[in-house]
C-alpha atoms as a PDB file:
ATOM      1  CA  MET A   1     104.679 208.290 125.115  1.00  0.00           C
ATOM      2  CA  TRP A   2     107.104 208.404 122.292  1.00  0.00           C
ATOM      3  CA  LYS A   3     107.044 212.316 122.803  1.00  0.00           C
ATOM      4  CA  GLN A   4     108.064 211.953 126.360  1.00  0.00           C
ATOM      5  CA  PHE A   5     110.424 209.727 124.938  1.00  0.00           C
ATOM      6  CA  LEU A   6     112.090 212.729 123.065  1.00  0.00           C
ATOM      7  CA  TYR A   7     112.311 214.770 126.173  1.00  0.00           C
ATOM      8  CA  PHE A   8     114.967 212.167 127.972  1.00  0.00           C
ATOM      9  CA  SER A   9     118.476 213.135 128.137  1.00  0.00           C
ATOM     10  CA  LYS A  10     120.521 210.940 126.047  1.00  0.00           C
ATOM     11  CA  ALA A  11     122.060 209.109 128.568  1.00  0.00           C
ATOM     12  CA  GLU A  12     118.136 208.058 129.509  1.00  0.00           C
ATOM     13  CA  ARG A  13     116.936 207.639 125.725  1.00  0.00           C
ATOM     14  CA  VAL A  14     120.287 204.971 125.608  1.00  0.00           C
ATOM     15  CA  ILE A  15     119.348 203.131 129.080  1.00  0.00           C
ATOM     16  CA  THR A  16     115.980 202.735 127.780  1.00  0.00           C
ATOM     17  CA  LEU A  17     116.353 201.322 124.171  1.00  0.00           C
ATOM     18  CA  VAL A  18     119.151 198.654 126.196  1.00  0.00           C
ATOM     19  CA  LEU A  19     116.264 197.511 128.745  1.00  0.00           C
ATOM     20  CA  VAL A  20     113.521 197.401 125.916  1.00  0.00           C
ATOM     21  CA  THR A  21     116.475 195.252 123.394  1.00  0.00           C
ATOM     22  CA  LEU A  22     117.025 192.887 126.422  1.00  0.00           C
ATOM     23  CA  VAL A  23     113.726 192.440 127.163  1.00  0.00           C
ATOM     24  CA  PHE A  24     112.833 191.961 123.076  1.00  0.00           C
ATOM     25  CA  ILE A  25     115.733 189.377 123.257  1.00  0.00           C
ATOM     26  CA  LEU A  26     114.654 187.452 126.630  1.00  0.00           C
ATOM     27  CA  LEU A  27     111.392 186.877 124.904  1.00  0.00           C
ATOM     28  CA  ILE A  28     112.409 185.268 121.909  1.00  0.00           C
ATOM     29  CA  VAL A  29     115.321 183.252 123.807  1.00  0.00           C
ATOM     30  CA  THR A  30     112.394 181.844 126.169  1.00  0.00           C
ATOM     31  CA  ARG A  31     109.951 181.058 123.033  1.00  0.00           C
ATOM     32  CA  CYS A  32     112.807 179.461 120.740  1.00  0.00           C
ATOM     33  CA  LEU A  33     114.418 177.961 123.811  1.00  0.00           C
ATOM     34  CA  PRO A  34     112.749 174.748 123.454  1.00  0.00           C
ATOM     35  CA  TYR A  35     113.031 174.027 120.470  1.00  0.00           C
ATOM     36  CA  LEU A  36     116.863 174.892 120.430  1.00  0.00           C
ATOM     37  CA  ILE A  37     118.012 172.448 122.778  1.00  0.00           C
ATOM     38  CA  SER A  38     116.917 168.488 122.144  1.00  0.00           C
ATOM     39  CA  PRO A  39     115.687 167.018 124.644  1.00  0.00           C
ATOM     40  CA  VAL A  40     117.588 164.322 126.646  1.00  0.00           C
ATOM     41  CA  SER A  41     116.497 160.684 125.721  1.00  0.00           C
ATOM     42  CA  THR A  42     115.215 158.466 128.796  1.00  0.00           C
ATOM     43  CA  SER A  43     114.892 155.604 126.331  1.00  0.00           C
ATOM     44  CA  ILE A  44     117.359 152.226 127.371  1.00  0.00           C
ATOM     45  CA  LYS A  45     118.736 150.310 124.722  1.00  0.00           C
ATOM     46  CA  GLU A  46     117.932 147.098 124.372  1.00  0.00           C
ATOM     47  CA  GLU A  47     121.385 145.718 124.480  1.00  0.00           C
ATOM     48  CA  ASP A  48     122.175 147.722 127.773  1.00  0.00           C
ATOM     49  CA  LEU A  49     118.656 146.593 129.046  1.00  0.00           C
ATOM     50  CA  ASN A  50     119.982 142.749 128.366  1.00  0.00           C
ATOM     51  CA  THR A  51     123.125 143.402 129.976  1.00  0.00           C
ATOM     52  CA  TYR A  52     121.780 145.155 132.884  1.00  0.00           C
ATOM     53  CA  LEU A  53     119.128 142.197 133.762  1.00  0.00           C
ATOM     54  CA  SER A  54     121.638 139.947 133.241  1.00  0.00           C
ATOM     55  CA  PHE A  55     123.661 141.483 135.661  1.00  0.00           C
ATOM     56  CA  LEU A  56     120.836 140.979 137.989  1.00  0.00           C
ATOM     57  CA  GLU A  57     120.324 137.330 137.562  1.00  0.00           C
ATOM     58  CA  SER A  58     123.797 136.441 138.221  1.00  0.00           C
ATOM     59  CA  LEU A  59     123.103 138.265 141.300  1.00  0.00           C
ATOM     60  CA  GLU A  60     120.143 136.611 142.436  1.00  0.00           C
ATOM     61  CA  LYS A  61     121.592 133.431 141.500  1.00  0.00           C
ATOM     62  CA  LYS A  62     125.289 133.701 142.536  1.00  0.00           C
ATOM     63  CA  GLU A  63     124.674 135.904 145.738  1.00  0.00           C
ATOM     64  CA  ASN A  64     120.803 134.852 146.577  1.00  0.00           C
ATOM     65  CA  ILE A  65     119.825 138.672 146.370  1.00  0.00           C
ATOM     66  CA  PRO A  66     116.186 138.852 145.530  1.00  0.00           C
ATOM     67  CA  PHE A  67     115.680 140.551 141.778  1.00  0.00           C
ATOM     68  CA  SER A  68     114.322 143.814 141.932  1.00  0.00           C
ATOM     69  CA  SER A  69     113.941 145.880 139.061  1.00  0.00           C
ATOM     70  CA  ASP A  70     113.987 149.725 138.824  1.00  0.00           C
ATOM     71  CA  ILE A  71     111.802 148.936 135.024  1.00  0.00           C
ATOM     72  CA  SER A  72     108.378 149.629 135.842  1.00  0.00           C
ATOM     73  CA  SER A  73     106.269 147.057 134.221  1.00  0.00           C
ATOM     74  CA  GLU A  74     104.114 147.955 131.189  1.00  0.00           C
ATOM     75  CA  ARG A  75     101.393 146.246 129.524  1.00  0.00           C
ATOM     76  CA  PHE A  76     101.083 146.161 125.897  1.00  0.00           C
ATOM     77  CA  VAL A  77     100.242 143.535 122.949  1.00  0.00           C
ATOM     78  CA  PHE A  78     103.159 140.581 122.415  1.00  0.00           C
ATOM     79  CA  ASN A  79     103.217 137.390 121.234  1.00  0.00           C
ATOM     80  CA  PRO A  80     105.557 134.963 123.345  1.00  0.00           C
ATOM     81  CA  ASN A  81     106.497 133.333 120.268  1.00  0.00           C
ATOM     82  CA  LYS A  82     108.717 136.344 118.613  1.00  0.00           C
ATOM     83  CA  ALA A  83     109.387 138.613 122.152  1.00  0.00           C
ATOM     84  CA  ASP A  84     113.037 138.824 123.213  1.00  0.00           C
ATOM     85  CA  SER A  85     113.938 138.830 126.737  1.00  0.00           C
ATOM     86  CA  ALA A  86     114.308 142.596 127.447  1.00  0.00           C
ATOM     87  CA  THR A  87     110.386 143.015 125.996  1.00  0.00           C
ATOM     88  CA  LEU A  88     109.683 139.961 128.483  1.00  0.00           C
ATOM     89  CA  VAL A  89     111.029 141.772 131.533  1.00  0.00           C
ATOM     90  CA  ARG A  90     109.078 144.969 130.471  1.00  0.00           C
ATOM     91  CA  LEU A  91     106.058 142.817 130.752  1.00  0.00           C
ATOM     92  CA  GLY A  92     106.821 142.133 134.699  1.00  0.00           C
ATOM     93  CA  LEU A  93     108.992 139.031 134.367  1.00  0.00           C
ATOM     94  CA  LYS A  94     111.975 137.952 135.851  1.00  0.00           C
ATOM     95  CA  PRO A  95     115.296 137.807 134.138  1.00  0.00           C
ATOM     96  CA  TYR A  96     115.540 134.017 134.840  1.00  0.00           C
ATOM     97  CA  GLN A  97     111.585 133.978 133.853  1.00  0.00           C
ATOM     98  CA  ALA A  98     112.121 135.440 130.709  1.00  0.00           C
ATOM     99  CA  GLY A  99     114.771 133.516 129.865  1.00  0.00           C
ATOM    100  CA  ASN A 100     113.297 130.279 130.377  1.00  0.00           C
ATOM    101  CA  ILE A 101     110.659 131.025 127.180  1.00  0.00           C
ATOM    102  CA  VAL A 102     113.571 132.060 125.279  1.00  0.00           C
ATOM    103  CA  LYS A 103     115.311 128.774 125.778  1.00  0.00           C
ATOM    104  CA  TYR A 104     111.939 126.839 125.420  1.00  0.00           C
ATOM    105  CA  ARG A 105     111.581 128.473 121.943  1.00  0.00           C
ATOM    106  CA  THR A 106     115.118 127.854 121.041  1.00  0.00           C
ATOM    107  CA  LYS A 107     114.986 124.145 121.588  1.00  0.00           C
ATOM    108  CA  GLY A 108     111.843 124.060 119.168  1.00  0.00           C
ATOM    109  CA  GLY A 109     109.179 125.046 121.847  1.00  0.00           C
ATOM    110  CA  VAL A 110     105.779 126.856 120.461  1.00  0.00           C
ATOM    111  CA  PHE A 111     103.208 128.510 122.066  1.00  0.00           C
ATOM    112  CA  ARG A 112      99.809 127.385 120.455  1.00  0.00           C
ATOM    113  CA  THR A 113      97.774 128.900 123.120  1.00  0.00           C
ATOM    114  CA  LYS A 114      97.820 131.229 125.601  1.00  0.00           C
ATOM    115  CA  LYS A 115      97.697 129.108 128.398  1.00  0.00           C
ATOM    116  CA  ASP A 116     100.772 127.080 127.228  1.00  0.00           C
ATOM    117  CA  ILE A 117     102.984 130.308 128.491  1.00  0.00           C
ATOM    118  CA  THR A 118     101.675 128.579 132.118  1.00  0.00           C
ATOM    119  CA  LYS A 119     103.620 125.616 131.342  1.00  0.00           C
ATOM    120  CA  ILE A 120     107.259 127.597 131.903  1.00  0.00           C
ATOM    121  CA  TYR A 121     109.214 126.970 134.599  1.00  0.00           C
ATOM    122  CA  GLY A 122     108.766 129.784 136.844  1.00  0.00           C
ATOM    123  CA  ILE A 123     105.709 131.499 135.392  1.00  0.00           C
ATOM    124  CA  GLU A 124     103.330 132.609 138.245  1.00  0.00           C
ATOM    125  CA  GLU A 125      99.491 132.521 138.025  1.00  0.00           C
ATOM    126  CA  GLU A 126      98.890 135.967 139.293  1.00  0.00           C
ATOM    127  CA  TRP A 127     101.146 137.453 136.336  1.00  0.00           C
ATOM    128  CA  PHE A 128      99.434 135.225 133.451  1.00  0.00           C
ATOM    129  CA  GLN A 129      95.771 136.220 134.568  1.00  0.00           C
ATOM    130  CA  GLU A 130      97.091 139.975 134.513  1.00  0.00           C
ATOM    131  CA  ILE A 131      98.789 139.295 131.306  1.00  0.00           C
ATOM    132  CA  GLN A 132      96.134 137.199 129.363  1.00  0.00           C
ATOM    133  CA  PRO A 133      94.236 139.908 127.622  1.00  0.00           C
ATOM    134  CA  TYR A 134      97.428 141.043 126.004  1.00  0.00           C
ATOM    135  CA  ILE A 135      98.722 137.711 124.869  1.00  0.00           C
ATOM    136  CA  ASP A 136      98.332 137.595 121.115  1.00  0.00           C
ATOM    137  CA  LEU A 137      97.392 134.169 121.066  1.00  0.00           C
ATOM    138  CA  PRO A 138      94.236 132.402 120.861  1.00  0.00           C
ATOM    139  CA  GLU A 139      92.372 131.056 123.979  1.00  0.00           C
ATOM    140  CA  LYS A 140      91.959 127.399 122.553  1.00  0.00           C
ATOM    141  CA  GLN A 141      93.978 125.460 119.685  1.00  0.00           C
ATOM    142  CA  ALA A 142      91.861 124.488 116.480  1.00  0.00           C
ATOM    143  CA  TYR A 143      91.917 121.554 115.874  1.00  0.00           C
ATOM    144  CA  LYS A 144      91.512 119.800 112.501  1.00  0.00           C
ATOM    145  CA  SER A 145      89.059 116.766 112.332  1.00  0.00           C
ATOM    146  CA  SER A 146      90.872 113.634 111.355  1.00  0.00           C
ATOM    147  CA  LYS A 147      87.466 111.830 110.847  1.00  0.00           C
ATOM    148  CA  VAL A 148      87.650 109.985 107.690  1.00  0.00           C
ATOM    149  CA  VAL A 149      84.552 109.398 105.846  1.00  0.00           C
ATOM    150  CA  TYR A 150      84.576 106.162 103.873  1.00  0.00           C
ATOM    151  CA  GLU A 151      81.901 105.942 101.058  1.00  0.00           C
ATOM    152  CA  LYS A 152      80.544 102.653 100.362  1.00  0.00           C
ATOM    153  CA  PRO A 153      81.592 101.168  97.334  1.00  0.00           C
ATOM    154  CA  LYS A 154      79.363 100.761  94.933  1.00  0.00           C
ATOM    155  CA  HIS A 155      79.866  97.736  93.606  1.00  0.00           C
ATOM    156  CA  THR A 156      81.597  94.491  95.717  1.00  0.00           C
ATOM    157  CA  PHE A 157      84.156  91.824  94.428  1.00  0.00           C
ATOM    158  CA  THR A 158      83.733  88.388  95.743  1.00  0.00           C
ATOM    159  CA  PRO A 159      86.378  86.542  94.863  1.00  0.00           C
ATOM    160  CA  SER A 160      85.739  83.167  93.364  1.00  0.00           C
ATOM    161  CA  PHE A 161      88.153  79.858  94.541  1.00  0.00           C
ATOM    162  CA  PRO A 162      87.555  76.869  92.345  1.00  0.00           C
ATOM    163  CA  ARG A 163      85.313  74.130  93.873  1.00  0.00           C
ATOM    164  CA  GLN A 164      87.302  71.075  95.317  1.00  0.00           C
ATOM    165  CA  GLU A 165      86.368  68.135  92.918  1.00  0.00           C
ATOM    166  CA  LYS A 166      85.607  65.386  95.027  1.00  0.00           C
ATOM    167  CA  TYR A 167      85.533  61.503  93.997  1.00  0.00           C
ATOM    168  CA  SER A 168      82.157  59.966  93.033  1.00  0.00           C
ATOM    169  CA  GLN A 169      80.899  57.614  95.317  1.00  0.00           C
ATOM    170  CA  GLY A 170      82.425  53.856  95.049  1.00  0.00           C
ATOM    171  CA  THR A 171      86.059  55.360  94.568  1.00  0.00           C
ATOM    172  CA  ILE A 172      88.646  53.583  96.672  1.00  0.00           C
ATOM    173  CA  ILE A 173      92.436  54.665  97.240  1.00  0.00           C
ATOM    174  CA  ASP A 174      95.228  53.598  98.799  1.00  0.00           C
ATOM    175  CA  LEU A 175      95.732  54.720 102.050  1.00  0.00           C
ATOM    176  CA  ASN A 176      99.491  54.474 102.024  1.00  0.00           C
ATOM    177  CA  LEU A 177      99.801  55.770  98.747  1.00  0.00           C
ATOM    178  CA  ALA A 178      97.433  58.797  98.849  1.00  0.00           C
ATOM    179  CA  ASP A 179      99.108  62.134  99.116  1.00  0.00           C
ATOM    180  CA  THR A 180      96.870  65.396 100.434  1.00  0.00           C
ATOM    181  CA  THR A 181      95.916  66.457  96.818  1.00  0.00           C
ATOM    182  CA  GLU A 182      94.122  62.941  96.416  1.00  0.00           C
ATOM    183  CA  LEU A 183      93.030  62.867 100.130  1.00  0.00           C
ATOM    184  CA  LYS A 184      91.082  66.180 100.029  1.00  0.00           C
ATOM    185  CA  LYS A 185      88.681  64.784  96.827  1.00  0.00           C
ATOM    186  CA  ILE A 186      87.604  62.051  99.411  1.00  0.00           C
ATOM    187  CA  PRO A 187      84.029  63.381 100.757  1.00  0.00           C
ATOM    188  CA  GLY A 188      84.505  64.609 104.770  1.00  0.00           C
ATOM    189  CA  ILE A 189      88.406  65.443 103.905  1.00  0.00           C
ATOM    190  CA  GLY A 190      89.522  69.015 103.880  1.00  0.00           C
ATOM    191  CA  SER A 191      93.081  70.241 104.049  1.00  0.00           C
ATOM    192  CA  GLY A 192      93.793  70.012 107.593  1.00  0.00           C
ATOM    193  CA  ILE A 193      92.500  66.455 108.400  1.00  0.00           C
ATOM    194  CA  ALA A 194      94.650  65.467 105.078  1.00  0.00           C
ATOM    195  CA  LYS A 195      97.843  66.955 106.433  1.00  0.00           C
ATOM    196  CA  ARG A 196      97.171  65.135 109.686  1.00  0.00           C
ATOM    197  CA  ILE A 197      96.676  61.971 107.795  1.00  0.00           C
ATOM    198  CA  VAL A 198      99.929  62.448 105.824  1.00  0.00           C
ATOM    199  CA  GLN A 199     101.937  63.439 109.491  1.00  0.00           C
ATOM    200  CA  TYR A 200     100.955  60.455 111.053  1.00  0.00           C
ATOM    201  CA  ARG A 201     101.513  57.976 108.360  1.00  0.00           C
ATOM    202  CA  SER A 202     105.393  58.895 108.189  1.00  0.00           C
ATOM    203  CA  LYS A 203     105.423  58.899 112.066  1.00  0.00           C
ATOM    204  CA  LEU A 204     104.292  55.483 111.804  1.00  0.00           C
ATOM    205  CA  GLY A 205     106.673  54.113 108.908  1.00  0.00           C
ATOM    206  CA  GLY A 206     102.815  53.375 107.102  1.00  0.00           C
ATOM    207  CA  PHE A 207      99.752  52.071 107.546  1.00  0.00           C
ATOM    208  CA  TYR A 208      98.828  48.238 107.911  1.00  0.00           C
ATOM    209  CA  SER A 209      95.152  48.711 108.444  1.00  0.00           C
ATOM    210  CA  VAL A 210      92.371  51.431 107.737  1.00  0.00           C
ATOM    211  CA  LYS A 211      91.452  50.937 111.276  1.00  0.00           C
ATOM    212  CA  GLN A 212      94.168  53.095 112.269  1.00  0.00           C
ATOM    213  CA  LEU A 213      92.536  56.088 110.712  1.00  0.00           C
ATOM    214  CA  LYS A 214      91.017  56.200 114.684  1.00  0.00           C
ATOM    215  CA  GLU A 215      94.755  57.721 115.780  1.00  0.00           C
ATOM    216  CA  VAL A 216      94.714  60.494 113.486  1.00  0.00           C
ATOM    217  CA  TRP A 217      94.030  63.570 115.527  1.00  0.00           C
ATOM    218  CA  GLY A 218      91.128  65.739 114.519  1.00  0.00           C
ATOM    219  CA  ILE A 219      89.167  62.436 112.996  1.00  0.00           C
ATOM    220  CA  SER A 220      85.954  61.764 115.160  1.00  0.00           C
ATOM    221  CA  PRO A 221      84.258  58.753 115.489  1.00  0.00           C
ATOM    222  CA  GLU A 222      81.252  59.808 113.037  1.00  0.00           C
ATOM    223  CA  THR A 223      83.918  60.845 110.537  1.00  0.00           C
ATOM    224  CA  TYR A 224      85.874  57.738 110.764  1.00  0.00           C
ATOM    225  CA  GLU A 225      82.739  55.695 109.774  1.00  0.00           C
ATOM    226  CA  THR A 226      81.906  57.653 106.712  1.00  0.00           C
ATOM    227  CA  LEU A 227      85.761  57.683 105.885  1.00  0.00           C
ATOM    228  CA  ILE A 228      86.117  53.526 105.923  1.00  0.00           C
ATOM    229  CA  PRO A 229      84.744  52.867 102.580  1.00  0.00           C
ATOM    230  CA  TRP A 230      86.914  55.045 100.561  1.00  0.00           C
ATOM    231  CA  PHE A 231      90.090  53.642 101.439  1.00  0.00           C
ATOM    232  CA  THR A 232      92.262  50.187 101.489  1.00  0.00           C
ATOM    233  CA  ILE A 233      95.821  48.913 102.014  1.00  0.00           C
ATOM    234  CA  LYS A 234      96.665  46.892  98.908  1.00  0.00           C
ATOM    235  CA  SER A 235     100.627  46.743  99.695  1.00  0.00           C
ATOM    236  CA  PRO A 236     101.388  47.286 103.434  1.00  0.00           C
ATOM    237  CA  SER A 237     104.930  48.908 102.272  1.00  0.00           C
ATOM    238  CA  ILE A 238     105.940  49.965 106.174  1.00  0.00           C
ATOM    239  CA  ASN A 239     109.467  51.343 106.910  1.00  0.00           C
ATOM    240  CA  ARG A 240     110.247  48.843 109.989  1.00  0.00           C
ATOM    241  CA  LEU A 241     112.788  50.004 113.188  1.00  0.00           C
ATOM    242  CA  LYS A 242     115.854  48.053 113.718  1.00  0.00           C
ATOM    243  CA  VAL A 243     115.797  47.437 117.227  1.00  0.00           C
ATOM    244  CA  ASN A 244     119.297  46.053 117.415  1.00  0.00           C
ATOM    245  CA  PHE A 245     120.695  49.389 116.322  1.00  0.00           C
ATOM    246  CA  LEU A 246     118.593  52.423 117.377  1.00  0.00           C
ATOM    247  CA  ASP A 247     119.283  54.372 120.462  1.00  0.00           C
ATOM    248  CA  LEU A 248     116.770  55.241 123.262  1.00  0.00           C
ATOM    249  CA  GLU A 249     115.830  58.363 121.685  1.00  0.00           C
ATOM    250  CA  GLN A 250     115.646  57.126 118.231  1.00  0.00           C
ATOM    251  CA  LEU A 251     113.033  54.437 119.430  1.00  0.00           C
ATOM    252  CA  ARG A 252     110.918  56.701 121.344  1.00  0.00           C
ATOM    253  CA  GLN A 253     110.020  58.954 118.192  1.00  0.00           C
ATOM    254  CA  HIS A 254     107.503  55.872 117.252  1.00  0.00           C
ATOM    255  CA  PRO A 255     103.780  56.943 118.266  1.00  0.00           C
ATOM    256  CA  TYR A 256     103.609  53.057 119.510  1.00  0.00           C
ATOM    257  CA  ILE A 257     106.528  53.413 121.853  1.00  0.00           C
ATOM    258  CA  ASN A 258     107.046  55.324 124.703  1.00  0.00           C
ATOM    259  CA  TYR A 259     109.850  56.111 126.979  1.00  0.00           C
ATOM    260  CA  TYR A 260     109.939  53.455 129.248  1.00  0.00           C
ATOM    261  CA  GLN A 261     109.249  51.018 126.499  1.00  0.00           C
ATOM    262  CA  ALA A 262     112.283  52.136 124.831  1.00  0.00           C
ATOM    263  CA  LYS A 263     114.205  51.861 127.968  1.00  0.00           C
ATOM    264  CA  ALA A 264     113.238  48.283 128.191  1.00  0.00           C
ATOM    265  CA  PHE A 265     114.356  47.942 124.533  1.00  0.00           C
ATOM    266  CA  VAL A 266     117.997  49.192 125.334  1.00  0.00           C
ATOM    267  CA  THR A 267     118.009  47.468 128.551  1.00  0.00           C
ATOM    268  CA  LEU A 268     117.191  43.775 127.189  1.00  0.00           C
ATOM    269  CA  ARG A 269     119.311  44.454 124.257  1.00  0.00           C
ATOM    270  CA  ASN A 270     122.744  45.184 126.494  1.00  0.00           C
ATOM    271  CA  ASN A 271     121.456  42.125 129.068  1.00  0.00           C
ATOM    272  CA  LYS A 272     120.717  39.388 126.317  1.00  0.00           C
ATOM    273  CA  GLY A 273     122.602  40.606 123.318  1.00  0.00           C
ATOM    274  CA  LYS A 274     121.014  40.884 119.564  1.00  0.00           C
ATOM    275  CA  LEU A 275     117.312  40.634 120.089  1.00  0.00           C
ATOM    276  CA  GLU A 276     115.682  38.135 117.852  1.00  0.00           C
ATOM    277  CA  SER A 277     111.657  38.227 118.468  1.00  0.00           C
ATOM    278  CA  ILE A 278     108.854  40.666 119.737  1.00  0.00           C
ATOM    279  CA  ASP A 279     107.896  37.417 122.318  1.00  0.00           C
ATOM    280  CA  GLN A 280     111.116  38.169 124.245  1.00  0.00           C
ATOM    281  CA  PHE A 281     108.924  41.291 125.477  1.00  0.00           C
ATOM    282  CA  SER A 282     106.263  39.171 126.399  1.00  0.00           C
ATOM    283  CA  LEU A 283     107.001  39.007 130.072  1.00  0.00           C
ATOM    284  CA  LEU A 284     108.100  42.620 130.554  1.00  0.00           C
ATOM    285  CA  ASP A 285     105.479  45.079 132.057  1.00  0.00           C
ATOM    286  CA  GLU A 286     106.099  47.797 129.660  1.00  0.00           C
ATOM    287  CA  PHE A 287     104.080  46.133 127.155  1.00  0.00           C
ATOM    288  CA  SER A 288     100.840  44.507 126.917  1.00  0.00           C
ATOM    289  CA  GLU A 289      99.466  42.000 124.321  1.00  0.00           C
ATOM    290  CA  HIS A 290      97.730  44.828 122.306  1.00  0.00           C
ATOM    291  CA  ASP A 291     101.478  46.763 122.281  1.00  0.00           C
ATOM    292  CA  ARG A 292     103.188  43.543 121.375  1.00  0.00           C
ATOM    293  CA  GLU A 293     100.580  43.209 118.599  1.00  0.00           C
ATOM    294  CA  ARG A 294     100.846  46.324 116.785  1.00  0.00           C
ATOM    295  CA  LEU A 295     104.573  46.497 117.435  1.00  0.00           C
ATOM    296  CA  HIS A 296     105.471  43.487 115.627  1.00  0.00           C
ATOM    297  CA  TYR A 297     104.248  45.815 112.097  1.00  0.00           C
ATOM    298  CA  TYR A 298     107.098  48.123 112.701  1.00  0.00           C
ATOM    299  CA  LEU A 299     109.898  46.074 114.170  1.00  0.00           C
ATOM    300  CA  ASP A 300     112.669  44.878 112.212  1.00  0.00           C
ATOM    301  CA  PHE A 301     115.300  42.376 114.506  1.00  0.00           C
ATOM    302  CA  GLN A 302     117.583  41.779 111.607  1.00  0.00           C
END
């Protein structure tokens, strides 16, 4: 071939060399061109995507234009506690749905299981079922046992209380002078009964007879019979009611005077003047013989 090339004319040899050179250059260019020209990036910047999605969402809300995105729905592993709105839209959510997830997190919300994402307004069950395998969260929340196991104490402590000292048989005390401490030393009398005896004695103004113990609430007939031998009344110091000076409300505070009897006191006093004796009430229906008998210990007509 090269021998034949020597027989070409000068012009033919020049044209041949030019053609060979062009072919060689063309081959080099076609092989190196992909490396010389940088490929056009088709990726979308996140901030541009967010701007675009916000624009679409505003159209959907203000103009009632249904959302449609040209961005194809992708599938990849993601954590809804960390993914931004652009990432969520790439997964197939609408802008307002992605926005609801971000707002939920902003207010302190946390997704603990895959199912938690369905609690967000607008999340569709169909999308969740499709995306569930890609959610980087557990299926169920692991709960820590709150059961507390108490060990039975090896040694138990039983508090000891001092035993109440009781009077020996044959002791007799004054019913009008005994306080609760002394009363509790009587067999059959505890703190409750001792307290009620003192309170009732105070309302009466004092006891004139041991038999009045029957009137104390909580003392049964059987208990009363056992208490009789323990008490006496040596000095019946009784606080009497000044019936010529007390009003209706003051009179009715006494256990032996009811409302109608107190009113009778006041009416008779207003009509007759100063009251002189319990006998003035003998003709009144409000007072029985029993009433007059026990009241004369508590009335002062001075």
